Amino acid sequence: MEKSEIKAAIEAVLFASGTPVEAERIASALELDTATVKDCADELIDKYKKEKHGIKIVRINSGYQMCSDKEYGTYVRRVMDMKKNTPLSQAAMEVLAVIAYNQPVTKAFIEQIRGVDCSGVVSSLCLKGLIEEKGRLELPGKPLLYGTTDRFLHCFGLENLEGLPTVETKKQESENTEEAPEAENAENTENPAEDKNDNT
């Protein structure tokens, strides 16, 4: 297969899937080696970045996904009569952070960290597809273990969990904000539009 044909095939697979597809699965379907598929997929990512398109291809763990550009999310929602989902509550964000940085973890571990019952929040995050069951802990009662999903990575614009900000980074950002409140107040910066697939 010529490179242009490989890229076209990758686009077709990602468009039809709608969810992340492992590079190995694409390689198997196209009867190619994984390295070639990754190389072509990465070139497609660069192509969509350089040219003005309403869609893009993103890397999620060892797979790829095609999705709409968040810049055009408003128009997509209008056409499809979609409503923006309710933003995550502070409690949900805290639970999600505990899971993301310590996974896999049990509900009891989360509740020990936060000091309150988290059953409802955990169930809600599961329904939103941001976390999922990752097995059971080999202890009496075999409590469920939870971890984040590929949807979590996509929603937060991460390629993998290594992209999570470190505690040191967040601490430094907080210190910088406290040191220069005047500069922050002087700026009037709008938040970027949200991707239609990223609203939770």
Protein backbone atom coordinates (compact mmCIF):
# COMPACT_ATOMS: atom_id res chain seq x y z
CA MET A 1 0.00 0.00 0.00
CA GLU A 2 1.17 3.50 -0.78
CA LYS A 3 1.50 5.90 2.10
CA SER A 4 -1.40 8.05 0.91
CA GLU A 5 -3.63 4.96 0.80
CA ILE A 6 -2.54 3.93 4.30
CA LYS A 7 -3.44 7.38 5.65
CA ALA A 8 -6.81 7.26 3.91
CA ALA A 9 -7.51 3.85 5.43
CA ILE A 10 -6.56 5.08 8.90
CA GLU A 11 -8.89 8.06 8.51
CA ALA A 12 -11.73 5.75 7.47
CA VAL A 13 -11.19 3.44 10.45
CA LEU A 14 -11.02 6.27 12.98
CA PHE A 15 -14.03 8.06 11.51
CA ALA A 16 -16.15 4.91 11.57
CA SER A 17 -15.07 3.93 15.07
CA GLY A 18 -15.82 7.11 17.01
CA THR A 19 -13.73 5.77 19.89
CA PRO A 20 -9.96 5.31 20.37
CA VAL A 21 -8.50 2.51 18.23
CA GLU A 22 -5.23 0.83 19.16
CA ALA A 23 -2.47 1.22 16.58
CA GLU A 24 -1.90 -2.54 16.73
CA ARG A 25 -5.52 -3.21 15.72
CA ILE A 26 -5.24 -0.87 12.75
CA ALA A 27 -1.95 -2.47 11.72
CA SER A 28 -3.52 -5.93 11.90
CA ALA A 29 -6.48 -4.85 9.77
CA LEU A 30 -4.24 -3.23 7.15
CA GLU A 31 -1.71 -6.08 7.32
CA LEU A 32 1.09 -3.67 8.13
CA ASP A 33 3.60 -3.28 10.94
CA THR A 34 2.60 -1.09 13.88
CA ALA A 35 5.50 1.32 13.34
CA THR A 36 4.27 2.20 9.86
CA VAL A 37 0.74 2.83 11.11
CA LYS A 38 1.98 5.04 13.94
CA ASP A 39 4.16 7.01 11.54
CA CYS A 40 1.25 7.62 9.15
CA ALA A 41 -1.15 8.45 11.99
CA ASP A 42 1.29 10.97 13.44
CA GLU A 43 1.64 12.61 10.02
CA LEU A 44 -2.16 12.88 9.86
CA ILE A 45 -2.18 14.56 13.27
CA ASP A 46 0.33 17.15 12.03
CA LYS A 47 -1.65 17.64 8.81
CA TYR A 48 -4.87 18.42 10.69
CA LYS A 49 -3.00 20.79 12.99
CA LYS A 50 -1.42 22.77 10.15
CA GLU A 51 -4.55 22.97 7.99
CA LYS A 52 -7.86 24.51 9.06
CA HIS A 53 -10.19 21.58 9.71
CA GLY A 54 -13.26 21.07 11.86
CA ILE A 55 -12.00 17.67 12.92
CA LYS A 56 -8.74 16.44 14.37
CA ILE A 57 -6.97 13.23 15.30
CA VAL A 58 -5.61 12.82 18.82
CA ARG A 59 -3.40 10.24 20.52
CA ILE A 60 -4.85 8.48 23.55
CA ASN A 61 -2.50 6.00 25.18
CA SER A 62 -1.37 3.67 22.37
CA GLY A 63 -4.38 4.45 20.19
CA TYR A 64 -5.84 7.21 18.04
CA GLN A 65 -9.24 8.90 17.86
CA MET A 66 -10.91 11.28 15.43
CA CYS A 67 -13.07 13.99 17.01
CA SER A 68 -14.45 17.45 16.34
CA ASP A 69 -12.37 20.52 17.08
CA LYS A 70 -13.64 22.23 20.25
CA GLU A 71 -13.67 25.55 18.36
CA TYR A 72 -16.75 24.37 16.49
CA GLY A 73 -18.52 22.62 19.36
CA THR A 74 -21.24 25.29 19.55
CA TYR A 75 -22.29 24.73 15.94
CA VAL A 76 -22.29 20.95 16.33
CA ARG A 77 -24.54 21.22 19.38
CA ARG A 78 -26.94 23.49 17.50
CA VAL A 79 -27.29 21.11 14.56
CA MET A 80 -27.60 18.01 16.71
CA ASP A 81 -29.76 19.77 19.31
CA MET A 82 -27.29 18.79 22.00
CA LYS A 83 -27.21 20.33 25.45
CA LYS A 84 -24.04 20.94 27.39
CA ASN A 85 -23.68 18.49 30.24
CA THR A 86 -23.62 19.83 33.78
CA PRO A 87 -20.01 20.60 34.77
CA LEU A 88 -18.40 18.30 37.31
CA SER A 89 -18.97 19.35 40.91
CA GLN A 90 -16.10 20.17 43.24
CA ALA A 91 -16.64 16.82 44.97
CA ALA A 92 -16.49 14.96 41.65
CA MET A 93 -13.27 16.75 40.70
CA GLU A 94 -11.71 15.84 44.03
CA VAL A 95 -12.68 12.17 43.71
CA LEU A 96 -11.44 12.11 40.12
CA ALA A 97 -8.11 13.61 41.20
CA VAL A 98 -7.66 11.01 43.96
CA ILE A 99 -8.33 8.21 41.49
CA ALA A 100 -6.20 9.66 38.69
CA TYR A 101 -3.11 10.11 40.86
CA ASN A 102 -3.41 6.90 42.91
CA GLN A 103 -5.14 4.36 40.66
CA PRO A 104 -6.21 1.68 40.94
CA VAL A 105 -7.92 2.51 44.24
CA THR A 106 -10.89 1.32 46.26
CA LYS A 107 -13.85 3.46 47.28
CA ALA A 108 -12.71 3.04 50.90
CA PHE A 109 -9.35 4.59 50.00
CA ILE A 110 -11.06 7.58 48.36
CA GLU A 111 -13.31 8.06 51.38
CA GLN A 112 -10.33 7.84 53.72
CA ILE A 113 -8.64 10.65 51.80
CA ARG A 114 -11.73 12.87 51.57
CA GLY A 115 -13.33 11.97 54.90
CA VAL A 116 -16.86 11.61 53.47
CA ASP A 117 -18.97 8.98 51.71
CA CYS A 118 -18.24 8.92 47.97
CA SER A 119 -20.66 6.26 46.72
CA GLY A 120 -22.83 8.67 44.75
CA VAL A 121 -19.92 10.53 43.20
CA VAL A 122 -18.15 7.31 42.18
CA SER A 123 -21.35 6.01 40.55
CA SER A 124 -21.82 9.30 38.70
CA LEU A 125 -18.25 9.27 37.38
CA CYS A 126 -18.74 5.69 36.20
CA LEU A 127 -21.93 6.67 34.35
CA LYS A 128 -20.10 9.55 32.68
CA GLY A 129 -17.44 7.09 31.53
CA LEU A 130 -14.60 8.92 33.29
CA ILE A 131 -13.73 6.01 35.59
CA GLU A 132 -14.31 2.27 35.44
CA GLU A 133 -13.82 -0.89 37.47
CA LYS A 134 -10.28 -2.25 37.23
CA GLY A 135 -10.73 -5.51 39.11
CA ARG A 136 -10.88 -6.39 42.79
CA LEU A 137 -8.43 -6.10 45.66
CA GLU A 138 -7.34 -9.42 47.16
CA LEU A 139 -8.65 -8.64 50.64
CA PRO A 140 -11.70 -9.82 52.62
CA GLY A 141 -14.81 -8.74 50.75
CA LYS A 142 -12.76 -8.25 47.56
CA PRO A 143 -13.50 -4.51 47.21
CA LEU A 144 -13.68 -3.08 43.70
CA LEU A 145 -10.75 -1.14 42.30
CA TYR A 146 -11.33 1.97 40.18
CA GLY A 147 -9.21 3.73 37.59
CA THR A 148 -9.62 6.36 34.88
CA THR A 149 -10.66 5.66 31.30
CA ASP A 150 -9.60 6.77 27.83
CA ARG A 151 -12.58 9.15 27.93
CA PHE A 152 -11.02 10.80 30.97
CA LEU A 153 -7.82 11.36 29.00
CA HIS A 154 -9.77 12.75 26.04
CA CYS A 155 -11.90 15.07 28.18
CA PHE A 156 -8.86 16.55 29.90
CA GLY A 157 -6.75 16.77 26.75
CA LEU A 158 -4.19 14.18 27.86
CA GLU A 159 -2.34 11.70 25.69
CA ASN A 160 -1.67 9.45 28.69
CA LEU A 161 -1.48 9.61 32.49
CA GLU A 162 2.12 10.83 32.31
CA GLY A 163 0.61 14.12 31.13
CA LEU A 164 -1.05 14.77 34.49
CA PRO A 165 0.40 17.91 36.14
CA THR A 166 2.72 17.14 39.03
CA VAL A 167 2.01 18.29 42.56
CA GLU A 168 5.05 20.56 42.32
CA THR A 169 3.70 22.18 39.16
CA LYS A 170 0.30 22.89 40.71
CA LYS A 171 1.95 24.26 43.85
CA GLN A 172 4.13 26.61 41.79
CA GLU A 173 1.10 27.82 39.81
CA SER A 174 -0.72 28.54 43.07
CA GLU A 175 2.25 30.46 44.47
CA ASN A 176 2.59 32.53 41.29
CA THR A 177 -1.11 33.41 41.43
CA GLU A 178 -0.80 34.57 45.04
CA GLU A 179 2.30 36.64 44.32
CA ALA A 180 0.81 38.60 41.40
CA PRO A 181 -2.92 39.16 41.98
CA GLU A 182 -2.82 42.58 40.33
CA ALA A 183 -1.56 41.15 37.06
CA GLU A 184 -4.26 38.49 37.09
CA ASN A 185 -7.02 41.02 37.73
CA ALA A 186 -5.73 43.30 35.03
CA GLU A 187 -6.18 40.62 32.37
CA ASN A 188 -9.54 39.77 30.88
CA THR A 189 -8.95 36.38 29.30
CA GLU A 190 -11.83 34.22 28.18
CA ASN A 191 -11.82 30.48 28.66
CA PRO A 192 -11.45 28.44 25.46
CA ALA A 193 -14.57 26.83 24.04
CA GLU A 194 -15.16 23.28 25.14
CA ASP A 195 -15.00 20.30 22.76
CA LYS A 196 -18.43 18.80 22.19
CA ASN A 197 -16.98 15.46 23.27
CA ASP A 198 -15.36 16.88 26.36
CA ASN A 199 -18.38 18.18 28.28
CA THR A 200 -19.04 16.21 31.45
